[in-house]
């Protein structure tokens, strides 16, 4: 094992991603993680693919939460204004930032090709923490509270994605 470490024979997972707005690339990220040996092979590939699909799927649902929150707060304003407000909300940024730290733990937890239950829990915790901060960000006036009530409904619906995925 020491020799393998010296000549770098341990497999690595390289994750690439980008954040874009229409045709404009806003950020590009590259992460490299040590890949547990048990994940090398078709079963590991399926688990990793499913984990990424879960994270991205919940991210899309949270994007819908920000849209509904913006519409509830700002009403029928100009679409560009609604989109700008949506982007100003911290929900998605905080969700993805939390997953930056959770993903290596997830990889370690998949030793022996375990299930995705722990990853679903991490996704739920990341989303709930990000939602809590977004609630504090929004404000406490009557119109903010009304929009938050709509946001709570949308957020609860977004989390059902993880339960639906358990069945599928």
C-alpha atoms as a PDB file:
ATOM      1  CA  UNK A   1       0.000   0.000   0.000  1.00  0.00           C
ATOM      2  CA  UNK A   2       2.895   2.379   0.726  1.00  0.00           C
ATOM      3  CA  UNK A   3       4.372   1.655  -2.703  1.00  0.00           C
ATOM      4  CA  UNK A   4       0.969   2.276  -4.314  1.00  0.00           C
ATOM      5  CA  UNK A   5       0.754   5.585  -2.481  1.00  0.00           C
ATOM      6  CA  UNK A   6       4.251   6.593  -3.649  1.00  0.00           C
ATOM      7  CA  UNK A   7       3.507   5.895  -7.300  1.00  0.00           C
ATOM      8  CA  UNK A   8      -0.059   7.237  -6.996  1.00  0.00           C
ATOM      9  CA  UNK A   9      -1.931   4.079  -7.989  1.00  0.00           C
ATOM     10  CA  UNK A  10      -5.033   4.992  -6.010  1.00  0.00           C
ATOM     11  CA  UNK A  11      -7.957   5.899  -8.255  1.00  0.00           C
ATOM     12  CA  UNK A  12      -9.293   9.440  -8.116  1.00  0.00           C
ATOM     13  CA  UNK A  13     -12.640  10.897  -8.992  1.00  0.00           C
ATOM     14  CA  UNK A  14     -12.518  14.170 -10.886  1.00  0.00           C
ATOM     15  CA  UNK A  15     -15.702  16.212 -10.743  1.00  0.00           C
ATOM     16  CA  UNK A  16     -16.167  19.124 -13.100  1.00  0.00           C
ATOM     17  CA  UNK A  17     -18.999  21.599 -13.054  1.00  0.00           C
ATOM     18  CA  UNK A  18     -19.996  24.994 -14.236  1.00  0.00           C
ATOM     19  CA  UNK A  19     -22.503  27.624 -13.281  1.00  0.00           C
ATOM     20  CA  UNK A  20     -23.972  29.488 -16.198  1.00  0.00           C
ATOM     21  CA  UNK A  21     -26.652  32.046 -16.850  1.00  0.00           C
ATOM     22  CA  UNK A  22     -27.972  31.676 -20.370  1.00  0.00           C
ATOM     23  CA  UNK A  23     -24.832  31.714 -22.565  1.00  0.00           C
ATOM     24  CA  UNK A  24     -22.571  33.296 -19.934  1.00  0.00           C
ATOM     25  CA  UNK A  25     -20.354  31.027 -17.798  1.00  0.00           C
ATOM     26  CA  UNK A  26     -20.206  32.429 -14.261  1.00  0.00           C
ATOM     27  CA  UNK A  27     -18.013  29.836 -12.537  1.00  0.00           C
ATOM     28  CA  UNK A  28     -16.139  26.642 -13.312  1.00  0.00           C
ATOM     29  CA  UNK A  29     -15.148  24.203 -10.583  1.00  0.00           C
ATOM     30  CA  UNK A  30     -12.894  21.171 -10.582  1.00  0.00           C
ATOM     31  CA  UNK A  31     -12.611  18.878  -7.586  1.00  0.00           C
ATOM     32  CA  UNK A  32     -10.510  15.738  -7.183  1.00  0.00           C
ATOM     33  CA  UNK A  33     -11.413  13.137  -4.561  1.00  0.00           C
ATOM     34  CA  UNK A  34      -9.793   9.833  -3.626  1.00  0.00           C
ATOM     35  CA  UNK A  35     -12.058   7.073  -4.885  1.00  0.00           C
ATOM     36  CA  UNK A  36     -12.558   4.081  -2.591  1.00  0.00           C
ATOM     37  CA  UNK A  37     -11.456   0.905  -4.363  1.00  0.00           C
ATOM     38  CA  UNK A  38     -14.874  -0.679  -3.848  1.00  0.00           C
ATOM     39  CA  UNK A  39     -16.372   1.985  -6.103  1.00  0.00           C
ATOM     40  CA  UNK A  40     -14.183   1.106  -9.082  1.00  0.00           C
ATOM     41  CA  UNK A  41     -16.412  -0.878 -11.422  1.00  0.00           C
ATOM     42  CA  UNK A  42     -19.942  -0.890 -12.796  1.00  0.00           C
ATOM     43  CA  UNK A  43     -21.768  -1.005  -9.420  1.00  0.00           C
ATOM     44  CA  UNK A  44     -19.746   1.909  -8.095  1.00  0.00           C
ATOM     45  CA  UNK A  45     -20.378   3.860 -11.272  1.00  0.00           C
ATOM     46  CA  UNK A  46     -24.126   3.333 -10.887  1.00  0.00           C
ATOM     47  CA  UNK A  47     -24.015   4.507  -7.240  1.00  0.00           C
ATOM     48  CA  UNK A  48     -22.020   7.627  -8.111  1.00  0.00           C
ATOM     49  CA  UNK A  49     -24.313   8.444 -11.028  1.00  0.00           C
ATOM     50  CA  UNK A  50     -27.386   8.054  -8.822  1.00  0.00           C
ATOM     51  CA  UNK A  51     -25.832  10.236  -6.101  1.00  0.00           C
ATOM     52  CA  UNK A  52     -25.139  13.003  -8.596  1.00  0.00           C
ATOM     53  CA  UNK A  53     -28.639  12.693 -10.052  1.00  0.00           C
ATOM     54  CA  UNK A  54     -30.122  13.035  -6.565  1.00  0.00           C
ATOM     55  CA  UNK A  55     -28.058  16.149  -5.795  1.00  0.00           C
ATOM     56  CA  UNK A  56     -28.818  17.764  -9.142  1.00  0.00           C
ATOM     57  CA  UNK A  57     -32.492  16.790  -9.005  1.00  0.00           C
ATOM     58  CA  UNK A  58     -32.942  18.345  -5.582  1.00  0.00           C
ATOM     59  CA  UNK A  59     -31.003  21.395  -6.801  1.00  0.00           C
ATOM     60  CA  UNK A  60     -33.516  21.791  -9.635  1.00  0.00           C
ATOM     61  CA  UNK A  61     -36.388  21.491  -7.173  1.00  0.00           C
ATOM     62  CA  UNK A  62     -34.771  24.167  -4.970  1.00  0.00           C
ATOM     63  CA  UNK A  63     -34.454  26.391  -8.043  1.00  0.00           C
ATOM     64  CA  UNK A  64     -38.233  26.076  -8.319  1.00  0.00           C
ATOM     65  CA  UNK A  65     -38.537  27.113  -4.665  1.00  0.00           C
ATOM     66  CA  UNK A  66     -36.601  30.327  -5.367  1.00  0.00           C
ATOM     67  CA  UNK A  67     -38.829  30.997  -8.380  1.00  0.00           C
ATOM     68  CA  UNK A  68     -42.017  30.571  -6.357  1.00  0.00           C
ATOM     69  CA  UNK A  69     -40.607  32.671  -3.536  1.00  0.00           C
ATOM     70  CA  UNK A  70     -39.703  35.479  -5.947  1.00  0.00           C
ATOM     71  CA  UNK A  71     -43.144  35.357  -7.570  1.00  0.00           C
ATOM     72  CA  UNK A  72     -44.897  35.342  -4.195  1.00  0.00           C
ATOM     73  CA  UNK A  73     -42.914  38.337  -2.985  1.00  0.00           C
ATOM     74  CA  UNK A  74     -42.682  40.433  -6.142  1.00  0.00           C
ATOM     75  CA  UNK A  75     -45.825  39.366  -7.974  1.00  0.00           C
ATOM     76  CA  UNK A  76     -46.027  39.905 -11.722  1.00  0.00           C
ATOM     77  CA  UNK A  77     -43.019  42.146 -12.105  1.00  0.00           C
ATOM     78  CA  UNK A  78     -40.674  42.131 -15.050  1.00  0.00           C
ATOM     79  CA  UNK A  79     -39.198  38.625 -15.598  1.00  0.00           C
ATOM     80  CA  UNK A  80     -35.653  40.021 -15.507  1.00  0.00           C
ATOM     81  CA  UNK A  81     -36.351  41.567 -12.098  1.00  0.00           C
ATOM     82  CA  UNK A  82     -37.829  38.309 -10.809  1.00  0.00           C
ATOM     83  CA  UNK A  83     -34.801  36.397 -12.071  1.00  0.00           C
ATOM     84  CA  UNK A  84     -32.381  38.879 -10.492  1.00  0.00           C
ATOM     85  CA  UNK A  85     -34.146  38.546  -7.146  1.00  0.00           C
ATOM     86  CA  UNK A  86     -34.152  34.764  -7.475  1.00  0.00           C
ATOM     87  CA  UNK A  87     -30.373  34.783  -8.007  1.00  0.00           C
ATOM     88  CA  UNK A  88     -29.917  37.030  -4.970  1.00  0.00           C
ATOM     89  CA  UNK A  89     -31.453  34.409  -2.673  1.00  0.00           C
ATOM     90  CA  UNK A  90     -28.815  32.301  -0.888  1.00  0.00           C
ATOM     91  CA  UNK A  91     -30.701  28.980  -1.098  1.00  0.00           C
ATOM     92  CA  UNK A  92     -28.855  27.383  -4.010  1.00  0.00           C
ATOM     93  CA  UNK A  93     -25.429  28.808  -3.186  1.00  0.00           C
ATOM     94  CA  UNK A  94     -25.645  27.505   0.377  1.00  0.00           C
ATOM     95  CA  UNK A  95     -27.009  24.130  -0.706  1.00  0.00           C
ATOM     96  CA  UNK A  96     -24.137  23.509  -3.140  1.00  0.00           C
ATOM     97  CA  UNK A  97     -21.544  24.884  -0.716  1.00  0.00           C
ATOM     98  CA  UNK A  98     -22.701  22.455   1.971  1.00  0.00           C
ATOM     99  CA  UNK A  99     -22.466  19.560  -0.469  1.00  0.00           C
ATOM    100  CA  UNK A 100     -18.829  20.476  -1.174  1.00  0.00           C
ATOM    101  CA  UNK A 101     -18.006  19.202   2.321  1.00  0.00           C
ATOM    102  CA  UNK A 102     -20.561  16.391   2.333  1.00  0.00           C
ATOM    103  CA  UNK A 103     -19.450  14.682  -0.878  1.00  0.00           C
ATOM    104  CA  UNK A 104     -16.104  13.363   0.465  1.00  0.00           C
ATOM    105  CA  UNK A 105     -17.942  11.984   3.514  1.00  0.00           C
ATOM    106  CA  UNK A 106     -20.400  10.326   1.172  1.00  0.00           C
ATOM    107  CA  UNK A 107     -17.560   8.677  -0.757  1.00  0.00           C
ATOM    108  CA  UNK A 108     -16.014   7.374   2.460  1.00  0.00           C
ATOM    109  CA  UNK A 109     -19.397   6.048   3.562  1.00  0.00           C
ATOM    110  CA  UNK A 110     -19.801   4.034   0.380  1.00  0.00           C
ATOM    111  CA  UNK A 111     -16.931   1.697   1.233  1.00  0.00           C
ATOM    112  CA  UNK A 112     -18.269  -1.774   0.605  1.00  0.00           C
ATOM    113  CA  UNK A 113     -20.868  -0.385  -1.820  1.00  0.00           C
ATOM    114  CA  UNK A 114     -23.399   0.720   0.748  1.00  0.00           C
ATOM    115  CA  UNK A 115     -26.727   2.353   0.023  1.00  0.00           C
ATOM    116  CA  UNK A 116     -27.550   5.935  -0.812  1.00  0.00           C
ATOM    117  CA  UNK A 117     -29.588   6.503   2.376  1.00  0.00           C
ATOM    118  CA  UNK A 118     -26.795   8.488   4.027  1.00  0.00           C
ATOM    119  CA  UNK A 119     -26.428  10.668   0.934  1.00  0.00           C
ATOM    120  CA  UNK A 120     -30.174  11.407   0.915  1.00  0.00           C
ATOM    121  CA  UNK A 121     -29.831  12.465   4.559  1.00  0.00           C
ATOM    122  CA  UNK A 122     -26.891  14.743   3.642  1.00  0.00           C
ATOM    123  CA  UNK A 123     -28.907  16.285   0.808  1.00  0.00           C
ATOM    124  CA  UNK A 124     -31.868  16.861   3.113  1.00  0.00           C
ATOM    125  CA  UNK A 125     -29.655  18.452   5.797  1.00  0.00           C
ATOM    126  CA  UNK A 126     -27.940  20.686   3.239  1.00  0.00           C
ATOM    127  CA  UNK A 127     -31.273  21.815   1.805  1.00  0.00           C
ATOM    128  CA  UNK A 128     -32.805  22.442   5.248  1.00  0.00           C
ATOM    129  CA  UNK A 129     -29.796  24.462   6.399  1.00  0.00           C
ATOM    130  CA  UNK A 130     -29.824  26.526   3.209  1.00  0.00           C
ATOM    131  CA  UNK A 131     -33.574  27.070   3.510  1.00  0.00           C
ATOM    132  CA  UNK A 132     -33.203  28.237   7.111  1.00  0.00           C
ATOM    133  CA  UNK A 133     -30.658  30.864   6.059  1.00  0.00           C
ATOM    134  CA  UNK A 134     -32.848  31.919   3.136  1.00  0.00           C
ATOM    135  CA  UNK A 135     -35.778  32.426   5.527  1.00  0.00           C
ATOM    136  CA  UNK A 136     -33.632  34.725   7.680  1.00  0.00           C
ATOM    137  CA  UNK A 137     -32.426  36.574   4.581  1.00  0.00           C
ATOM    138  CA  UNK A 138     -35.900  37.446   3.340  1.00  0.00           C
ATOM    139  CA  UNK A 139     -37.349  39.694   6.022  1.00  0.00           C
ATOM    140  CA  UNK A 140     -40.199  39.841   8.539  1.00  0.00           C
ATOM    141  CA  UNK A 141     -42.759  42.260   7.117  1.00  0.00           C
ATOM    142  CA  UNK A 142     -46.216  40.931   6.300  1.00  0.00           C
ATOM    143  CA  UNK A 143     -45.514  40.525   2.574  1.00  0.00           C
ATOM    144  CA  UNK A 144     -42.284  38.666   3.410  1.00  0.00           C
ATOM    145  CA  UNK A 145     -44.101  36.310   5.761  1.00  0.00           C
ATOM    146  CA  UNK A 146     -46.778  35.650   3.149  1.00  0.00           C
ATOM    147  CA  UNK A 147     -44.075  34.843   0.573  1.00  0.00           C
ATOM    148  CA  UNK A 148     -42.314  32.629   3.125  1.00  0.00           C
ATOM    149  CA  UNK A 149     -45.506  30.641   3.647  1.00  0.00           C
ATOM    150  CA  UNK A 150     -45.584  29.968  -0.092  1.00  0.00           C
ATOM    151  CA  UNK A 151     -41.875  29.180   0.029  1.00  0.00           C
ATOM    152  CA  UNK A 152     -42.440  26.673   2.858  1.00  0.00           C
ATOM    153  CA  UNK A 153     -45.020  24.848   0.766  1.00  0.00           C
ATOM    154  CA  UNK A 154     -42.672  24.788  -2.218  1.00  0.00           C
ATOM    155  CA  UNK A 155     -39.751  23.660  -0.056  1.00  0.00           C
ATOM    156  CA  UNK A 156     -41.783  20.819   1.453  1.00  0.00           C
ATOM    157  CA  UNK A 157     -42.732  19.685  -2.049  1.00  0.00           C
ATOM    158  CA  UNK A 158     -39.071  19.879  -3.126  1.00  0.00           C
ATOM    159  CA  UNK A 159     -38.027  17.550  -0.304  1.00  0.00           C
ATOM    160  CA  UNK A 160     -40.565  14.940  -1.430  1.00  0.00           C
ATOM    161  CA  UNK A 161     -38.239  14.406  -4.413  1.00  0.00           C
ATOM    162  CA  UNK A 162     -35.904  12.493  -2.084  1.00  0.00           C
ATOM    163  CA  UNK A 163     -38.761  10.268  -0.881  1.00  0.00           C
ATOM    164  CA  UNK A 164     -39.935   9.605  -4.453  1.00  0.00           C
ATOM    165  CA  UNK A 165     -36.402   8.662  -5.406  1.00  0.00           C
ATOM    166  CA  UNK A 166     -36.279   6.046  -2.647  1.00  0.00           C
ATOM    167  CA  UNK A 167     -39.095   4.140  -4.378  1.00  0.00           C
ATOM    168  CA  UNK A 168     -37.666   4.500  -7.896  1.00  0.00           C
END
